Amino acid sequence: MRAFVITAPGRGAVQDVPSPVPPRGEVVVDVERVGLCGTDVEFFSGEMSYLHTGQARYPLRIGHEWCGVVSAVGAEVDPSWLGRRVTGDTMLGCGRCERCVAGRRHVCAERYEIGIRNGRPGALAERLPVPESALHVLPDGVDATLGALVEPGANALRAVRGAGLSPGERLLVLGPGTIGLLAARIAAARGAEVHLLGVTGPSLAFARSLGFPHVWTRDTLPSLRWDAVIDASTGPGMPALAAELVEPGRRVVYIGLSVAPSPLDTRAIVLKDVTAVGVLSGSGALAETIDLYATGAVDPRPLVAATVPLAEAAAVLSGTRPHTGAPKIHVDPRL
């Protein structure tokens, strides 16, 4: 089959690789759609931290935001999965340790991450092996575009959950990228007053085009009470800003990651009695995200700027993209 393989920083191409055969407890999915995200860009550039800690190495196959159709099942897998449209969890715990048993497999020390950690192949390929335990069925109303947005949407949903807001309360989202905009849409659907803070003109204009009237830069941000702040940015100074801005006694949610370490004075958290919440992955929120999309409560499709063939993945990861303001690029590996 064809798969996109990164062989070194800045070097990646479509290669012919062996087609997967499902082992016991797993299925093979014919991939319909894959989203590219900042993690994938960092793997392509060589900046991703896992490359420097030994948790990932070249050559590697990326892609963890995906959907497709089950085309083969391994031993001990329910055959009714065949032909079903699915997406799945990225985080694959060992299933035996204390964390996995307690329902926290996404932080299992021995976990695999599809397309990210410990050599588990990603979805930027024609076919993808996935454990049955990680699968989630997609209803008919959730098309391929929505299906490939379930994983980032689940990350955003966990961030909104972590903010602990009630309807009518005010949320500030730092970073109007994919996760930030998804969090903003989910929070708005739950009745929050949503504000976004960004930097570049196109991203701010795009956020306004989605119907968010409260879009600011650092210079124009009004002095308001922020009942929660979600940092979905990649700026190393933004975590400290989030702690500075949030209302005392409320919550800051950290889901964005910068390449450089982020300095944060914990006195800003302690002396304001702030709860800081970290979010790693959409695990535990995939099913609810699918329901949000299926019911139409949240429609993230405008966030996708384009869908491109597999052979264009390297160009996108290098920075070539449409100038629409929409943050997400999808790949159709069948093209």
Protein backbone atom coordinates (compact mmCIF):
# COMPACT_ATOMS: atom_id res chain seq x y z
CA MET A 1 0.00 0.00 0.00
CA ARG A 2 0.99 3.68 -0.20
CA ALA A 3 2.00 5.52 2.97
CA PHE A 4 3.65 8.83 3.74
CA VAL A 5 6.97 8.20 5.50
CA ILE A 6 9.19 10.81 7.19
CA THR A 7 12.83 9.71 6.98
CA ALA A 8 14.64 12.76 8.43
CA PRO A 9 13.89 16.36 9.38
CA GLY A 10 12.30 18.02 6.37
CA ARG A 11 12.32 14.81 4.33
CA GLY A 12 9.21 12.77 3.65
CA ALA A 13 7.56 11.08 0.69
CA VAL A 14 4.97 8.54 -0.32
CA GLN A 15 6.42 5.03 -0.25
CA ASP A 16 5.18 1.53 -0.98
CA VAL A 17 5.05 -0.33 2.34
CA PRO A 18 3.62 -3.71 3.37
CA SER A 19 -0.14 -3.65 3.82
CA PRO A 20 -1.15 -4.42 7.43
CA VAL A 21 -2.62 -7.75 8.45
CA PRO A 22 -4.75 -7.43 11.60
CA PRO A 23 -3.24 -9.20 14.61
CA ARG A 24 -5.36 -10.66 17.39
CA GLY A 25 -7.68 -8.05 18.85
CA GLU A 26 -7.18 -5.55 16.03
CA VAL A 27 -8.80 -4.47 12.78
CA VAL A 28 -7.55 -2.86 9.59
CA VAL A 29 -9.23 0.36 8.49
CA ASP A 30 -9.30 1.66 4.92
CA VAL A 31 -8.55 5.32 5.63
CA GLU A 32 -10.93 7.92 4.19
CA ARG A 33 -9.54 11.13 5.67
CA VAL A 34 -6.64 12.32 7.84
CA GLY A 35 -6.10 15.67 9.49
CA LEU A 36 -2.64 17.24 9.75
CA CYS A 37 -1.86 19.07 12.99
CA GLY A 38 0.94 20.91 14.74
CA THR A 39 2.36 17.68 16.15
CA ASP A 40 2.77 16.34 12.62
CA VAL A 41 4.52 19.54 11.56
CA GLU A 42 6.96 19.20 14.47
CA PHE A 43 7.73 15.60 13.51
CA PHE A 44 8.44 16.75 9.96
CA SER A 45 10.66 19.63 11.11
CA GLY A 46 12.45 17.50 13.71
CA GLU A 47 11.36 19.70 16.64
CA MET A 48 8.93 17.23 18.25
CA SER A 49 10.15 16.42 21.78
CA TYR A 50 9.54 12.66 21.43
CA LEU A 51 12.31 12.58 18.80
CA HIS A 52 14.75 13.84 21.43
CA THR A 53 13.57 11.61 24.30
CA GLY A 54 13.66 8.36 22.31
CA GLN A 55 9.88 7.88 22.30
CA ALA A 56 9.85 8.33 18.52
CA ARG A 57 12.45 7.97 15.80
CA TYR A 58 12.81 8.10 12.04
CA PRO A 59 11.58 6.63 9.81
CA LEU A 60 8.06 7.22 11.05
CA ARG A 61 4.51 7.34 9.73
CA ILE A 62 2.35 10.11 11.12
CA GLY A 63 -1.41 10.79 11.23
CA HIS A 64 -3.62 10.48 14.30
CA GLU A 65 -6.78 12.41 13.28
CA TRP A 66 -8.55 9.94 11.03
CA CYS A 67 -11.64 8.07 9.95
CA GLY A 68 -12.33 5.18 7.61
CA VAL A 69 -14.04 1.85 7.01
CA VAL A 70 -13.11 -1.45 8.68
CA SER A 71 -11.96 -3.81 5.93
CA ALA A 72 -10.44 -6.70 7.90
CA VAL A 73 -10.63 -8.09 11.43
CA GLY A 74 -8.16 -10.17 13.42
CA ALA A 75 -8.74 -13.13 15.68
CA GLU A 76 -11.08 -12.58 18.64
CA VAL A 77 -12.58 -9.46 17.02
CA ASP A 78 -16.35 -9.17 16.53
CA PRO A 79 -16.86 -9.68 12.76
CA SER A 80 -19.73 -7.18 12.79
CA TRP A 81 -17.08 -4.43 12.63
CA LEU A 82 -16.54 -5.25 8.94
CA GLY A 83 -17.82 -2.45 6.73
CA ARG A 84 -18.48 -0.04 9.59
CA ARG A 85 -17.31 3.57 9.42
CA VAL A 86 -15.13 4.36 12.41
CA THR A 87 -12.66 6.65 14.07
CA GLY A 88 -10.56 5.80 17.10
CA ASP A 89 -8.54 6.78 20.12
CA THR A 90 -4.92 7.76 19.55
CA MET A 91 -3.73 6.63 22.99
CA LEU A 92 -3.24 2.88 23.34
CA GLY A 93 -2.33 1.85 26.89
CA CYS A 94 -0.94 -1.52 27.93
CA GLY A 95 -4.28 -2.42 29.57
CA ARG A 96 -2.60 -3.98 32.61
CA CYS A 97 -1.00 -1.23 34.68
CA GLU A 98 -2.66 0.70 37.49
CA ARG A 99 -3.31 3.70 35.26
CA CYS A 100 -5.00 1.66 32.55
CA VAL A 101 -7.11 -0.26 35.05
CA ALA A 102 -8.20 3.06 36.59
CA GLY A 103 -9.32 4.38 33.18
CA ARG A 104 -6.27 6.54 32.53
CA ARG A 105 -4.70 4.59 29.69
CA HIS A 106 -3.90 7.84 27.86
CA VAL A 107 -1.13 8.43 30.43
CA CYS A 108 0.08 4.80 30.58
CA ALA A 109 3.88 4.85 30.77
CA GLU A 110 4.09 2.08 28.16
CA ARG A 111 1.43 3.46 25.84
CA TYR A 112 1.59 3.59 22.09
CA GLU A 113 0.22 6.64 20.31
CA ILE A 114 -1.01 6.13 16.77
CA GLY A 115 1.27 8.01 14.42
CA ILE A 116 3.21 9.53 17.33
CA ARG A 117 4.80 7.34 20.00
CA ASN A 118 6.74 4.08 20.22
CA GLY A 119 6.61 3.23 16.52
CA ARG A 120 2.87 2.76 16.12
CA PRO A 121 2.12 3.53 12.43
CA GLY A 122 -0.14 6.47 11.66
CA ALA A 123 -3.10 7.01 9.39
CA LEU A 124 -1.37 8.92 6.61
CA ALA A 125 -1.62 5.76 4.53
CA GLU A 126 -4.20 3.77 2.60
CA ARG A 127 -4.76 1.39 5.52
CA LEU A 128 -4.31 1.54 9.28
CA PRO A 129 -4.19 -1.20 11.97
CA VAL A 130 -6.18 -0.27 15.10
CA PRO A 131 -7.08 -2.22 18.27
CA GLU A 132 -10.79 -3.04 18.49
CA SER A 133 -10.85 -1.47 21.95
CA ALA A 134 -9.95 1.94 20.49
CA LEU A 135 -12.73 2.08 17.87
CA HIS A 136 -15.76 4.37 17.83
CA VAL A 137 -18.57 3.97 15.30
CA LEU A 138 -19.47 6.99 13.17
CA PRO A 139 -23.19 7.46 12.45
CA ASP A 140 -24.37 8.22 8.92
CA GLY A 141 -24.67 11.94 9.64
CA VAL A 142 -20.95 12.23 10.43
CA ASP A 143 -19.16 12.46 7.08
CA ALA A 144 -15.45 11.98 6.41
CA THR A 145 -14.61 15.60 7.17
CA LEU A 146 -16.35 15.43 10.54
CA GLY A 147 -14.93 11.98 11.24
CA ALA A 148 -11.35 13.23 10.92
CA LEU A 149 -12.21 16.14 13.23
CA VAL A 150 -13.40 13.92 16.09
CA GLU A 151 -9.95 13.52 17.65
CA PRO A 152 -9.09 17.25 17.80
CA GLY A 153 -12.68 17.98 18.79
CA ALA A 154 -12.40 15.59 21.71
CA ASN A 155 -9.24 17.38 22.85
CA ALA A 156 -11.13 20.66 22.73
CA LEU A 157 -14.12 19.18 24.55
CA ARG A 158 -11.88 18.00 27.38
CA ALA A 159 -10.43 21.52 27.58
CA VAL A 160 -13.92 23.01 27.84
CA ARG A 161 -14.86 20.47 30.49
CA GLY A 162 -11.72 21.41 32.40
CA ALA A 163 -12.69 25.08 32.35
CA GLY A 164 -15.64 24.31 34.62
CA LEU A 165 -17.91 27.06 33.26
CA SER A 166 -21.64 27.56 33.75
CA PRO A 167 -23.88 29.05 31.02
CA GLY A 168 -23.44 32.80 30.79
CA GLU A 169 -19.92 32.82 32.20
CA ARG A 170 -17.03 34.28 30.22
CA LEU A 171 -14.26 32.24 28.58
CA LEU A 172 -11.05 33.56 27.03
CA VAL A 173 -9.35 31.25 24.52
CA LEU A 174 -5.71 31.98 23.73
CA GLY A 175 -4.85 30.87 20.20
CA PRO A 176 -7.49 30.74 17.39
CA GLY A 177 -6.05 27.63 15.75
CA THR A 178 -7.90 24.34 15.29
CA ILE A 179 -8.10 23.39 18.98
CA GLY A 180 -8.83 26.94 20.10
CA LEU A 181 -11.64 27.39 17.58
CA LEU A 182 -13.10 23.98 18.37
CA ALA A 183 -13.04 24.81 22.08
CA ALA A 184 -14.69 28.15 21.32
CA ARG A 185 -17.47 26.51 19.31
CA ILE A 186 -18.10 23.85 21.95
CA ALA A 187 -18.11 26.39 24.79
CA ALA A 188 -20.48 28.67 22.86
CA ALA A 189 -22.81 25.72 22.26
CA ARG A 190 -22.85 25.24 26.03
CA GLY A 191 -23.86 28.82 26.65
CA ALA A 192 -20.54 30.51 27.48
CA GLU A 193 -19.64 34.02 26.37
CA VAL A 194 -16.54 33.28 24.29
CA HIS A 195 -13.64 35.62 23.57
CA LEU A 196 -10.54 34.76 21.50
CA LEU A 197 -7.04 36.21 21.67
CA GLY A 198 -4.76 35.88 18.65
CA VAL A 199 -1.87 37.42 16.78
CA THR A 200 -2.16 37.26 12.99
CA GLY A 201 -4.70 39.20 10.96
CA PRO A 202 -5.93 36.26 8.84
CA SER A 203 -6.58 34.02 11.85
CA LEU A 204 -8.42 36.80 13.69
CA ALA A 205 -10.51 37.60 10.61
CA PHE A 206 -11.35 33.94 10.17
CA ALA A 207 -12.47 33.65 13.79
CA ARG A 208 -14.79 36.62 13.26
CA SER A 209 -16.14 35.00 10.08
CA LEU A 210 -17.25 32.04 12.20
CA GLY A 211 -19.51 34.36 14.17
CA PHE A 212 -17.30 35.19 17.15
CA PRO A 213 -17.66 38.94 17.75
CA HIS A 214 -15.16 39.11 20.62
CA VAL A 215 -11.78 38.61 18.94
CA TRP A 216 -8.76 40.47 20.29
CA THR A 217 -5.02 41.00 20.12
CA ARG A 218 -2.92 41.53 23.23
CA ASP A 219 -3.07 45.29 22.67
CA THR A 220 -6.86 45.42 22.25
CA LEU A 221 -7.89 42.88 24.92
CA PRO A 222 -10.40 44.56 27.24
CA SER A 223 -10.08 44.46 31.00
CA LEU A 224 -12.87 42.00 31.83
CA ARG A 225 -13.43 39.23 34.34
CA TRP A 226 -12.25 35.97 32.74
CA ASP A 227 -14.08 33.12 34.48
CA ALA A 228 -11.80 30.64 32.72
CA VAL A 229 -8.88 30.79 30.30
CA ILE A 230 -7.94 28.04 27.84
CA ASP A 231 -4.40 28.28 26.50
CA ALA A 232 -4.53 26.61 23.09
CA SER A 233 -1.60 28.60 21.75
CA THR A 234 2.00 27.66 20.99
CA GLY A 235 3.60 30.80 22.39
CA PRO A 236 6.03 30.17 25.27
CA GLY A 237 4.81 33.28 27.09
CA MET A 238 1.11 32.42 26.93
CA PRO A 239 0.82 30.04 29.91
CA ALA A 240 1.99 32.82 32.22
CA LEU A 241 -0.44 35.23 30.58
CA ALA A 242 -3.30 32.79 31.12
CA ALA A 243 -2.52 32.58 34.84
CA GLU A 244 -2.25 36.34 35.04
CA LEU A 245 -5.62 36.99 33.36
CA VAL A 246 -7.89 34.38 34.93
CA GLU A 247 -10.26 35.38 37.73
CA PRO A 248 -9.00 34.33 41.19
CA GLY A 249 -10.43 31.04 42.34
CA ARG A 250 -11.23 29.88 38.80
CA ARG A 251 -9.56 27.64 36.22
CA VAL A 252 -6.82 27.79 33.61
CA VAL A 253 -6.65 24.96 31.07
CA TYR A 254 -3.38 24.22 29.30
CA ILE A 255 -3.66 22.28 26.05
CA GLY A 256 -1.27 24.14 23.73
CA LEU A 257 2.43 23.30 23.64
CA SER A 258 5.34 25.48 22.56
CA VAL A 259 8.59 24.13 21.15
CA ALA A 260 10.54 26.09 23.78
CA PRO A 261 9.84 25.59 27.51
CA SER A 262 7.18 27.94 28.90
CA PRO A 263 8.18 29.93 32.00
CA LEU A 264 5.40 30.13 34.58
CA ASP A 265 5.68 31.61 38.08
CA THR A 266 3.57 29.35 40.27
CA ARG A 267 2.99 32.23 42.67
CA ALA A 268 0.49 33.53 40.10
CA ILE A 269 -1.47 30.30 40.58
CA VAL A 270 -1.06 29.88 44.33
CA LEU A 271 -1.76 33.46 45.39
CA LYS A 272 -4.89 33.58 43.22
CA ASP A 273 -6.03 30.09 44.30
CA VAL A 274 -6.27 29.10 40.64
CA THR A 275 -6.86 25.53 39.46
CA ALA A 276 -4.57 24.61 36.56
CA VAL A 277 -5.73 21.76 34.32
CA GLY A 278 -3.55 20.00 31.75
CA VAL A 279 -5.15 18.17 28.81
CA LEU A 280 -3.36 15.39 26.92
CA SER A 281 -5.44 13.82 24.14
CA GLY A 282 -9.14 13.44 23.50
CA SER A 283 -9.38 10.10 25.31
CA GLY A 284 -12.63 9.84 27.18
CA ALA A 285 -14.38 12.48 25.07
CA LEU A 286 -14.57 10.88 21.61
CA ALA A 287 -18.10 9.49 21.96
CA GLU A 288 -19.53 12.81 23.19
CA THR A 289 -17.74 14.66 20.38
CA ILE A 290 -19.25 12.34 17.78
CA ASP A 291 -22.67 13.06 19.29
CA LEU A 292 -22.08 16.83 19.17
CA TYR A 293 -21.29 16.55 15.46
CA ALA A 294 -24.10 14.09 14.68
CA THR A 295 -26.76 16.27 16.30
CA GLY A 296 -25.47 19.45 14.70
CA ALA A 297 -24.80 21.10 18.06
CA VAL A 298 -21.27 21.82 16.80
CA ASP A 299 -20.24 21.98 13.13
CA PRO A 300 -16.46 22.22 12.71
CA ARG A 301 -16.35 21.72 8.94
CA PRO A 302 -15.61 25.41 8.17
CA LEU A 303 -12.24 24.92 9.94
CA VAL A 304 -10.98 22.75 7.04
CA ALA A 305 -9.27 24.86 4.39
CA ALA A 306 -8.70 22.06 1.88
CA THR A 307 -8.46 18.32 1.33
CA VAL A 308 -5.38 17.25 -0.63
CA PRO A 309 -3.94 13.99 -2.04
CA LEU A 310 -1.40 11.93 -0.12
CA ALA A 311 1.44 13.12 -2.37
CA GLU A 312 0.91 16.72 -1.19
CA ALA A 313 1.46 15.94 2.49
CA ALA A 314 5.13 16.99 2.43
CA ALA A 315 4.30 20.38 0.90
CA VAL A 316 1.62 21.03 3.53
CA LEU A 317 3.94 20.02 6.37
CA SER A 318 6.56 22.38 4.91
CA GLY A 319 4.12 25.27 5.14
CA THR A 320 2.36 25.35 1.76
CA ARG A 321 -1.34 25.90 2.37
CA PRO A 322 -4.32 27.91 1.07
CA HIS A 323 -4.58 31.47 2.37
CA THR A 324 -8.16 31.16 3.56
CA GLY A 325 -7.58 31.67 7.28
CA ALA A 326 -9.04 28.23 8.03
CA PRO A 327 -6.45 26.33 10.10
CA LYS A 328 -6.92 22.66 9.15
CA ILE A 329 -5.72 20.70 6.13
CA HIS A 330 -7.08 17.21 5.47
CA VAL A 331 -5.52 14.46 3.37
CA ASP A 332 -7.44 11.82 1.42
CA PRO A 333 -5.02 8.86 1.14
CA ARG A 334 -7.14 7.34 -1.60
CA LEU A 335 -6.13 10.20 -3.95
